[in-house]
PDB file of N, CA and C in Angstrom:
ATOM      1  N   MET A   1      39.929  93.619  99.429  1.00  0.00           N
ATOM      2  CA  MET A   1      39.381  93.187  98.101  1.00  0.00           C
ATOM      3  C   MET A   1      40.391  93.732  96.944  1.00  0.00           C
ATOM      4  N   ARG A   2      40.558  95.158  97.092  1.00  0.00           N
ATOM      5  CA  ARG A   2      41.638  95.932  96.255  1.00  0.00           C
ATOM      6  C   ARG A   2      42.751  95.322  95.969  1.00  0.00           C
ATOM      7  N   SER A   3      43.253  94.900  97.366  1.00  0.00           N
ATOM      8  CA  SER A   3      44.786  94.440  97.332  1.00  0.00           C
ATOM      9  C   SER A   3      44.758  92.965  96.589  1.00  0.00           C
ATOM     10  N   THR A   4      43.706  92.235  96.594  1.00  0.00           N
ATOM     11  CA  THR A   4      43.422  91.045  96.049  1.00  0.00           C
ATOM     12  C   THR A   4      43.707  91.239  94.480  1.00  0.00           C
ATOM     13  N   ILE A   5      42.863  92.148  93.934  1.00  0.00           N
ATOM     14  CA  ILE A   5      42.606  92.641  92.452  1.00  0.00           C
ATOM     15  C   ILE A   5      44.169  93.115  92.035  1.00  0.00           C
ATOM     16  N   ALA A   6      44.633  94.024  93.006  1.00  0.00           N
ATOM     17  CA  ALA A   6      46.124  94.507  92.618  1.00  0.00           C
ATOM     18  C   ALA A   6      47.208  93.446  92.441  1.00  0.00           C
ATOM     19  N   ALA A   7      47.005  92.417  93.408  1.00  0.00           N
ATOM     20  CA  ALA A   7      47.952  91.289  93.330  1.00  0.00           C
ATOM     21  C   ALA A   7      47.792  90.363  92.136  1.00  0.00           C
ATOM     22  N   ALA A   8      46.550  90.315  91.803  1.00  0.00           N
ATOM     23  CA  ALA A   8      46.371  89.481  90.632  1.00  0.00           C
ATOM     24  C   ALA A   8      46.733  90.167  89.446  1.00  0.00           C
ATOM     25  N   GLY A   9      46.459  91.327  89.239  1.00  0.00           N
ATOM     26  CA  GLY A   9      46.947  92.319  88.156  1.00  0.00           C
ATOM     27  C   GLY A   9      48.511  92.177  88.081  1.00  0.00           C
ATOM     28  N   LEU A  10      49.262  92.334  89.118  1.00  0.00           N
ATOM     29  CA  LEU A  10      50.635  92.152  88.943  1.00  0.00           C
ATOM     30  C   LEU A  10      51.100  90.786  88.619  1.00  0.00           C
ATOM     31  N   LEU A  11      50.296  89.815  89.050  1.00  0.00           N
ATOM     32  CA  LEU A  11      50.635  88.241  88.659  1.00  0.00           C
ATOM     33  C   LEU A  11      50.579  88.342  87.152  1.00  0.00           C
ATOM     34  N   VAL A  12      49.415  88.884  86.581  1.00  0.00           N
ATOM     35  CA  VAL A  12      49.300  88.637  85.087  1.00  0.00           C
ATOM     36  C   VAL A  12      50.474  89.520  84.626  1.00  0.00           C
ATOM     37  N   VAL A  13      50.846  90.637  84.994  1.00  0.00           N
ATOM     38  CA  VAL A  13      51.864  91.462  84.289  1.00  0.00           C
ATOM     39  C   VAL A  13      53.104  90.703  84.198  1.00  0.00           C
ATOM     40  N   ALA A  14      53.387  90.168  85.214  1.00  0.00           N
ATOM     41  CA  ALA A  14      54.705  89.481  85.761  1.00  0.00           C
ATOM     42  C   ALA A  14      54.922  88.251  84.770  1.00  0.00           C
ATOM     43  N   SER A  15      53.599  87.366  84.528  1.00  0.00           N
ATOM     44  CA  SER A  15      53.763  86.386  83.882  1.00  0.00           C
ATOM     45  C   SER A  15      53.761  86.809  82.307  1.00  0.00           C
ATOM     46  N   VAL A  16      53.320  87.822  81.877  1.00  0.00           N
ATOM     47  CA  VAL A  16      53.392  88.306  80.439  1.00  0.00           C
ATOM     48  C   VAL A  16      55.045  88.689  80.230  1.00  0.00           C
ATOM     49  N   LEU A  17      55.541  89.368  81.411  1.00  0.00           N
ATOM     50  CA  LEU A  17      56.864  89.750  81.149  1.00  0.00           C
ATOM     51  C   LEU A  17      57.840  88.677  81.116  1.00  0.00           C
ATOM     52  N   ALA A  18      57.686  87.852  81.711  1.00  0.00           N
ATOM     53  CA  ALA A  18      58.537  86.486  81.918  1.00  0.00           C
ATOM     54  C   ALA A  18      58.673  85.681  80.849  1.00  0.00           C
ATOM     55  N   VAL A  19      57.672  85.749  79.966  1.00  0.00           N
ATOM     56  CA  VAL A  19      57.761  84.833  78.731  1.00  0.00           C
ATOM     57  C   VAL A  19      57.449  85.780  77.391  1.00  0.00           C
ATOM     58  N   PRO A  20      58.374  86.289  76.975  1.00  0.00           N
ATOM     59  CA  PRO A  20      58.233  87.108  75.687  1.00  0.00           C
ATOM     60  C   PRO A  20      57.755  86.366  74.527  1.00  0.00           C
ATOM     61  N   ALA A  21      56.774  87.092  73.732  1.00  0.00           N
ATOM     62  CA  ALA A  21      56.297  86.685  72.674  1.00  0.00           C
ATOM     63  C   ALA A  21      57.380  86.591  71.510  1.00  0.00           C
ATOM     64  N   ARG A  22      57.266  85.694  70.699  1.00  0.00           N
ATOM     65  CA  ARG A  22      58.388  85.597  69.547  1.00  0.00           C
ATOM     66  C   ARG A  22      57.525  85.687  68.227  1.00  0.00           C
ATOM     67  N   ALA A  23      57.712  86.598  67.450  1.00  0.00           N
ATOM     68  CA  ALA A  23      57.216  86.758  66.260  1.00  0.00           C
ATOM     69  C   ALA A  23      56.949  85.340  65.326  1.00  0.00           C
ATOM     70  N   GLU A  24      58.172  84.516  65.561  1.00  0.00           N
ATOM     71  CA  GLU A  24      58.436  83.352  64.664  1.00  0.00           C
ATOM     72  C   GLU A  24      57.545  82.346  65.173  1.00  0.00           C
ATOM     73  N   ASP A  25      56.780  82.350  66.218  1.00  0.00           N
ATOM     74  CA  ASP A  25      56.029  81.398  66.880  1.00  0.00           C
ATOM     75  C   ASP A  25      54.591  81.853  66.308  1.00  0.00           C
ATOM     76  N   GLN A  26      54.384  82.822  65.549  1.00  0.00           N
ATOM     77  CA  GLN A  26      52.818  83.025  65.341  1.00  0.00           C
ATOM     78  C   GLN A  26      52.699  82.654  63.874  1.00  0.00           C
ATOM     79  N   PRO A  27      51.483  82.385  63.450  1.00  0.00           N
ATOM     80  CA  PRO A  27      50.903  81.817  62.186  1.00  0.00           C
ATOM     81  C   PRO A  27      51.154  83.011  61.383  1.00  0.00           C
ATOM     82  N   GLY A  28      51.692  82.833  60.147  1.00  0.00           N
ATOM     83  CA  GLY A  28      51.717  83.936  58.990  1.00  0.00           C
ATOM     84  C   GLY A  28      52.879  84.944  59.204  1.00  0.00           C
ATOM     85  N   ILE A  29      53.756  84.520  60.048  1.00  0.00           N
ATOM     86  CA  ILE A  29      54.896  85.460  60.472  1.00  0.00           C
ATOM     87  C   ILE A  29      56.074  84.529  60.181  1.00  0.00           C
ATOM     88  N   THR A  30      57.132  84.959  59.323  1.00  0.00           N
ATOM     89  CA  THR A  30      58.505  84.312  59.056  1.00  0.00           C
ATOM     90  C   THR A  30      59.531  85.471  59.389  1.00  0.00           C
ATOM     91  N   ALA A  31      60.761  85.047  59.098  1.00  0.00           N
ATOM     92  CA  ALA A  31      61.774  86.064  59.279  1.00  0.00           C
ATOM     93  C   ALA A  31      61.807  86.998  58.230  1.00  0.00           C
ATOM     94  N   SER A  32      61.002  87.095  57.087  1.00  0.00           N
ATOM     95  CA  SER A  32      61.125  87.861  56.095  1.00  0.00           C
ATOM     96  C   SER A  32      59.743  88.515  55.730  1.00  0.00           C
ATOM     97  N   GLU A  33      58.655  87.869  56.268  1.00  0.00           N
ATOM     98  CA  GLU A  33      57.306  88.177  55.857  1.00  0.00           C
ATOM     99  C   GLU A  33      56.267  88.145  56.879  1.00  0.00           C
ATOM    100  N   ILE A  34      55.416  89.134  56.711  1.00  0.00           N
ATOM    101  CA  ILE A  34      54.000  88.895  57.696  1.00  0.00           C
ATOM    102  C   ILE A  34      52.949  88.879  56.944  1.00  0.00           C
ATOM    103  N   ARG A  35      52.260  87.745  56.846  1.00  0.00           N
ATOM    104  CA  ARG A  35      50.954  87.469  55.783  1.00  0.00           C
ATOM    105  C   ARG A  35      50.084  87.639  56.625  1.00  0.00           C
ATOM    106  N   ILE A  36      49.106  88.641  56.066  1.00  0.00           N
ATOM    107  CA  ILE A  36      47.528  88.901  56.470  1.00  0.00           C
ATOM    108  C   ILE A  36      46.541  88.670  55.392  1.00  0.00           C
ATOM    109  N   GLY A  37      45.552  88.346  55.633  1.00  0.00           N
ATOM    110  CA  GLY A  37      44.383  88.304  54.708  1.00  0.00           C
ATOM    111  C   GLY A  37      43.157  89.220  54.951  1.00  0.00           C
ATOM    112  N   GLN A  38      42.435  89.458  53.846  1.00  0.00           N
ATOM    113  CA  GLN A  38      41.022  90.127  53.876  1.00  0.00           C
ATOM    114  C   GLN A  38      40.174  89.755  52.768  1.00  0.00           C
ATOM    115  N   THR A  39      38.799  89.861  52.962  1.00  0.00           N
ATOM    116  CA  THR A  39      38.250  89.655  51.724  1.00  0.00           C
ATOM    117  C   THR A  39      37.323  91.302  51.686  1.00  0.00           C
ATOM    118  N   MET A  40      37.094  91.643  50.488  1.00  0.00           N
ATOM    119  CA  MET A  40      36.507  92.950  50.287  1.00  0.00           C
ATOM    120  C   MET A  40      35.655  92.754  49.252  1.00  0.00           C
ATOM    121  N   PRO A  41      34.520  93.595  49.177  1.00  0.00           N
ATOM    122  CA  PRO A  41      33.628  93.579  48.013  1.00  0.00           C
ATOM    123  C   PRO A  41      34.033  94.272  46.989  1.00  0.00           C
ATOM    124  N   TYR A  42      35.024  93.875  46.045  1.00  0.00           N
ATOM    125  CA  TYR A  42      35.316  94.288  44.870  1.00  0.00           C
ATOM    126  C   TYR A  42      34.481  94.198  43.685  1.00  0.00           C
ATOM    127  N   SER A  43      33.475  93.411  43.916  1.00  0.00           N
ATOM    128  CA  SER A  43      32.339  93.346  42.892  1.00  0.00           C
ATOM    129  C   SER A  43      30.976  93.200  43.695  1.00  0.00           C
ATOM    130  N   GLY A  44      29.951  93.220  43.022  1.00  0.00           N
ATOM    131  CA  GLY A  44      28.591  92.934  43.626  1.00  0.00           C
ATOM    132  C   GLY A  44      27.974  94.327  43.980  1.00  0.00           C
ATOM    133  N   PRO A  45      26.873  94.074  44.821  1.00  0.00           N
ATOM    134  CA  PRO A  45      26.065  95.396  45.205  1.00  0.00           C
ATOM    135  C   PRO A  45      26.711  96.518  45.854  1.00  0.00           C
ATOM    136  N   VAL A  46      27.832  96.425  46.668  1.00  0.00           N
ATOM    137  CA  VAL A  46      28.438  97.514  47.222  1.00  0.00           C
ATOM    138  C   VAL A  46      29.834  97.416  46.911  1.00  0.00           C
ATOM    139  N   SER A  47      30.108  97.502  45.637  1.00  0.00           N
ATOM    140  CA  SER A  47      31.408  97.187  45.222  1.00  0.00           C
ATOM    141  C   SER A  47      32.015  98.580  45.300  1.00  0.00           C
ATOM    142  N   ALA A  48      31.501  99.592  45.502  1.00  0.00           N
ATOM    143  CA  ALA A  48      31.947 101.091  45.880  1.00  0.00           C
ATOM    144  C   ALA A  48      32.938 100.961  47.164  1.00  0.00           C
ATOM    145  N   PHE A  49      32.756 100.006  48.083  1.00  0.00           N
ATOM    146  CA  PHE A  49      33.546  99.776  49.240  1.00  0.00           C
ATOM    147  C   PHE A  49      34.680  99.144  48.831  1.00  0.00           C
ATOM    148  N   GLY A  50      34.733  98.713  47.739  1.00  0.00           N
ATOM    149  CA  GLY A  50      36.167  97.835  47.295  1.00  0.00           C
ATOM    150  C   GLY A  50      37.207  98.859  47.302  1.00  0.00           C
ATOM    151  N   ILE A  51      37.139 100.324  47.174  1.00  0.00           N
ATOM    152  CA  ILE A  51      37.989 101.264  47.316  1.00  0.00           C
ATOM    153  C   ILE A  51      38.745 101.082  48.365  1.00  0.00           C
ATOM    154  N   LEU A  52      38.330 100.785  49.495  1.00  0.00           N
ATOM    155  CA  LEU A  52      39.010 100.684  50.973  1.00  0.00           C
ATOM    156  C   LEU A  52      39.873  99.582  50.840  1.00  0.00           C
ATOM    157  N   GLY A  53      39.549  98.535  50.307  1.00  0.00           N
ATOM    158  CA  GLY A  53      40.687  97.401  49.998  1.00  0.00           C
ATOM    159  C   GLY A  53      41.805  97.869  49.089  1.00  0.00           C
ATOM    160  N   LYS A  54      41.600  98.518  47.988  1.00  0.00           N
ATOM    161  CA  LYS A  54      42.563  99.105  47.074  1.00  0.00           C
ATOM    162  C   LYS A  54      43.372 100.064  47.800  1.00  0.00           C
ATOM    163  N   GLY A  55      42.946 100.743  48.697  1.00  0.00           N
ATOM    164  CA  GLY A  55      43.585 101.846  49.363  1.00  0.00           C
ATOM    165  C   GLY A  55      44.639 100.863  50.678  1.00  0.00           C
ATOM    166  N   GLU A  56      43.998  99.935  51.182  1.00  0.00           N
ATOM    167  CA  GLU A  56      44.990  99.134  52.084  1.00  0.00           C
ATOM    168  C   GLU A  56      45.917  98.499  51.398  1.00  0.00           C
ATOM    169  N   VAL A  57      45.890  97.813  50.321  1.00  0.00           N
ATOM    170  CA  VAL A  57      46.811  97.423  49.447  1.00  0.00           C
ATOM    171  C   VAL A  57      48.054  98.137  48.978  1.00  0.00           C
ATOM    172  N   ALA A  58      47.557  99.468  48.550  1.00  0.00           N
ATOM    173  CA  ALA A  58      48.472 100.426  48.084  1.00  0.00           C
ATOM    174  C   ALA A  58      49.401 100.857  49.503  1.00  0.00           C
ATOM    175  N   TYR A  59      48.442 100.942  50.648  1.00  0.00           N
ATOM    176  CA  TYR A  59      49.283 101.421  51.882  1.00  0.00           C
ATOM    177  C   TYR A  59      50.436 100.396  52.211  1.00  0.00           C
ATOM    178  N   PHE A  60      50.113  99.003  52.108  1.00  0.00           N
ATOM    179  CA  PHE A  60      51.113  98.093  52.388  1.00  0.00           C
ATOM    180  C   PHE A  60      52.286  97.863  51.418  1.00  0.00           C
ATOM    181  N   LYS A  61      51.773  98.281  50.142  1.00  0.00           N
ATOM    182  CA  LYS A  61      52.839  98.543  49.171  1.00  0.00           C
ATOM    183  C   LYS A  61      53.986  99.471  49.599  1.00  0.00           C
ATOM    184  N   MET A  62      53.367 100.686  50.074  1.00  0.00           N
ATOM    185  CA  MET A  62      54.267 101.728  50.489  1.00  0.00           C
ATOM    186  C   MET A  62      54.918 101.282  51.715  1.00  0.00           C
ATOM    187  N   VAL A  63      54.501 100.706  52.562  1.00  0.00           N
ATOM    188  CA  VAL A  63      55.227 100.084  53.676  1.00  0.00           C
ATOM    189  C   VAL A  63      56.463  99.191  53.310  1.00  0.00           C
ATOM    190  N   ASN A  64      56.129  98.414  52.453  1.00  0.00           N
ATOM    191  CA  ASN A  64      57.071  97.484  51.857  1.00  0.00           C
ATOM    192  C   ASN A  64      58.356  98.144  51.241  1.00  0.00           C
ATOM    193  N   ASP A  65      57.715  99.288  50.407  1.00  0.00           N
ATOM    194  CA  ASP A  65      58.783 100.143  49.672  1.00  0.00           C
ATOM    195  C   ASP A  65      59.606 100.767  50.628  1.00  0.00           C
ATOM    196  N   ARG A  66      59.167 101.144  51.901  1.00  0.00           N
ATOM    197  CA  ARG A  66      60.082 101.777  52.814  1.00  0.00           C
ATOM    198  C   ARG A  66      60.626 100.741  53.685  1.00  0.00           C
ATOM    199  N   GLY A  67      60.771  99.419  53.341  1.00  0.00           N
ATOM    200  CA  GLY A  67      61.531  98.510  54.254  1.00  0.00           C
ATOM    201  C   GLY A  67      60.532  97.618  54.970  1.00  0.00           C
ATOM    202  N   GLY A  68      59.204  97.568  54.947  1.00  0.00           N
ATOM    203  CA  GLY A  68      58.565  96.823  55.719  1.00  0.00           C
ATOM    204  C   GLY A  68      58.235  97.125  57.143  1.00  0.00           C
ATOM    205  N   ILE A  69      58.053  96.072  57.914  1.00  0.00           N
ATOM    206  CA  ILE A  69      57.859  96.164  59.372  1.00  0.00           C
ATOM    207  C   ILE A  69      59.014  95.518  60.098  1.00  0.00           C
ATOM    208  N   ASN A  70      59.922  96.298  60.683  1.00  0.00           N
ATOM    209  CA  ASN A  70      61.122  95.569  61.269  1.00  0.00           C
ATOM    210  C   ASN A  70      61.880  94.599  60.258  1.00  0.00           C
ATOM    211  N   GLY A  71      61.881  94.995  59.162  1.00  0.00           N
ATOM    212  CA  GLY A  71      62.442  94.291  57.907  1.00  0.00           C
ATOM    213  C   GLY A  71      61.828  93.263  57.396  1.00  0.00           C
ATOM    214  N   ARG A  72      60.578  93.042  57.771  1.00  0.00           N
ATOM    215  CA  ARG A  72      59.711  92.042  57.169  1.00  0.00           C
ATOM    216  C   ARG A  72      58.694  92.691  56.179  1.00  0.00           C
ATOM    217  N   LYS A  73      58.416  91.994  54.981  1.00  0.00           N
ATOM    218  CA  LYS A  73      57.580  92.545  54.124  1.00  0.00           C
ATOM    219  C   LYS A  73      56.191  92.072  54.482  1.00  0.00           C
ATOM    220  N   VAL A  74      55.362  92.754  54.304  1.00  0.00           N
ATOM    221  CA  VAL A  74      53.878  92.656  54.613  1.00  0.00           C
ATOM    222  C   VAL A  74      53.102  92.048  53.307  1.00  0.00           C
ATOM    223  N   ASN A  75      52.680  90.959  53.402  1.00  0.00           N
ATOM    224  CA  ASN A  75      52.021  90.083  52.149  1.00  0.00           C
ATOM    225  C   ASN A  75      50.504  90.198  52.388  1.00  0.00           C
ATOM    226  N   LEU A  76      49.727  91.332  51.927  1.00  0.00           N
ATOM    227  CA  LEU A  76      48.334  91.462  52.280  1.00  0.00           C
ATOM    228  C   LEU A  76      47.647  90.803  51.119  1.00  0.00           C
ATOM    229  N   ILE A  77      46.738  89.644  51.393  1.00  0.00           N
ATOM    230  CA  ILE A  77      46.235  88.867  50.580  1.00  0.00           C
ATOM    231  C   ILE A  77      44.658  89.304  50.529  1.00  0.00           C
ATOM    232  N   SER A  78      44.220  90.040  49.716  1.00  0.00           N
ATOM    233  CA  SER A  78      43.161  90.606  49.416  1.00  0.00           C
ATOM    234  C   SER A  78      42.137  89.984  48.307  1.00  0.00           C
ATOM    235  N   LEU A  79      41.143  89.519  48.751  1.00  0.00           N
ATOM    236  CA  LEU A  79      40.250  88.594  47.859  1.00  0.00           C
ATOM    237  C   LEU A  79      38.868  89.230  47.807  1.00  0.00           C
ATOM    238  N   ASP A  80      38.169  89.150  46.660  1.00  0.00           N
ATOM    239  CA  ASP A  80      36.714  89.619  46.373  1.00  0.00           C
ATOM    240  C   ASP A  80      36.014  88.810  46.993  1.00  0.00           C
ATOM    241  N   ASP A  81      34.901  89.090  47.686  1.00  0.00           N
ATOM    242  CA  ASP A  81      33.836  88.421  48.390  1.00  0.00           C
ATOM    243  C   ASP A  81      32.526  88.532  47.677  1.00  0.00           C
ATOM    244  N   SER A  82      32.558  89.645  46.959  1.00  0.00           N
ATOM    245  CA  SER A  82      31.488  89.894  46.162  1.00  0.00           C
ATOM    246  C   SER A  82      30.087  90.546  47.120  1.00  0.00           C
ATOM    247  N   TYR A  83      30.451  90.657  48.273  1.00  0.00           N
ATOM    248  CA  TYR A  83      29.422  90.799  49.476  1.00  0.00           C
ATOM    249  C   TYR A  83      28.384  89.726  49.561  1.00  0.00           C
ATOM    250  N   VAL A  84      28.806  88.617  49.215  1.00  0.00           N
ATOM    251  CA  VAL A  84      28.201  87.542  49.389  1.00  0.00           C
ATOM    252  C   VAL A  84      28.627  86.529  50.767  1.00  0.00           C
ATOM    253  N   PRO A  85      27.917  86.508  51.811  1.00  0.00           N
ATOM    254  CA  PRO A  85      28.353  85.727  52.945  1.00  0.00           C
ATOM    255  C   PRO A  85      29.098  84.388  52.777  1.00  0.00           C
ATOM    256  N   PRO A  86      28.348  83.371  51.843  1.00  0.00           N
ATOM    257  CA  PRO A  86      28.844  82.121  51.952  1.00  0.00           C
ATOM    258  C   PRO A  86      30.292  82.193  51.159  1.00  0.00           C
ATOM    259  N   LYS A  87      30.395  83.140  50.297  1.00  0.00           N
ATOM    260  CA  LYS A  87      31.613  83.178  49.437  1.00  0.00           C
ATOM    261  C   LYS A  87      32.838  83.758  50.312  1.00  0.00           C
ATOM    262  N   THR A  88      32.375  84.767  51.345  1.00  0.00           N
ATOM    263  CA  THR A  88      33.238  85.223  52.371  1.00  0.00           C
ATOM    264  C   THR A  88      33.876  84.233  53.214  1.00  0.00           C
TER     265      THR A  88
END
């Protein structure tokens, strides 16, 4: 039983190593940009948590000022959801 599990594990590892993922094949990634998004409660009943989103925006600005990630700028799209599920 253990040898079967080990063989299956090696097969999975080998298949992952055989076909490397390319960043260009992923949605939101181009040669110059990594685009990610989030919603935060910048307004509404829990707007105090919006400071987390502002901190994340500032962090990615710092990353971009230092050259980005592997030369790609991070474009964080952060929208206000007002803590309303249908709006999110």
